């Protein structure tokens, strides 16, 4: 597929940028900004430029939220303190990420990588992504967006008339109900479903997805894309089931759709490797 469709820069312009990357190691910025540092690939950077955007700087957000002592005892229902700590750590990390983006003049962050660790007494959340901005040097918005979209996915959404407006997430930690002694004894030598863990997983999933969707609605979004989930038991409290979901909230913009039609590119250079037919005889 060629990158020379409607709404994309001519292929010759992209070749010039590739040559510049090879010579100088970064792409020039408009508006007198210095060269960017980002974790975007060369392909992603060039596709961003093709829709009028460019990377600005690598930004980070991090937060640690405490979990009160004693919450991991085997009780019934959701472990709300752990669920709130997870949400609080992500909220502070996103706020820090957006703060750094605002400080470097970015309009938003793409390609956010999320790393969350849950320990007995705290939740650690670290987010790293690339701040981006329009190449025309337009004024940044008051609140930059954060998204885990790749540079290519961001460009495709932008072309299709959609804008990312933020990250939505939800998490839930639920205690698996205890089995009675008689049930545990009967199941010791059998292959059976552990319904207490199954029920806990469904309960955690329901709460986490509902919280993520509610957050998207509070952001006035029209959908969540690129949703990722993480689930399983908690290592130091194996009776507890965790489920977390996060994704990028999107909203229809005022731009008209301008997705270009794909075009077939036929190379005129034969790159097939010649070989000696006699070598196929073996021996």
Foldseek 3Di string as FASTA:
>chain_A
DDQCFWQFDDPVVLVVQVVVCVVPVFGDAPPPADGEDFPADSVLQRLQVRNQKHWQYKFKFKFKFWADPPLLPQDFWWSVSQQVQQVVGVVRRQVRRQVVLVVRQAQAWEQWDWDWDDDNTMIMIMIITTGMHGRVSDHHDPTHEYFNHHSNRQSQCVLQQKHWHYKFKGKIKGFQDDDDPVVCVVCVPHPDDPVSVVVLQVVGVVRTVVRRVVVLVVSVFDDWPPKDKDWAADPVRRRMIMIMIMTIGMHGHPDHRTDGDDDDDDDPDDPDDDDDPVVVVPD
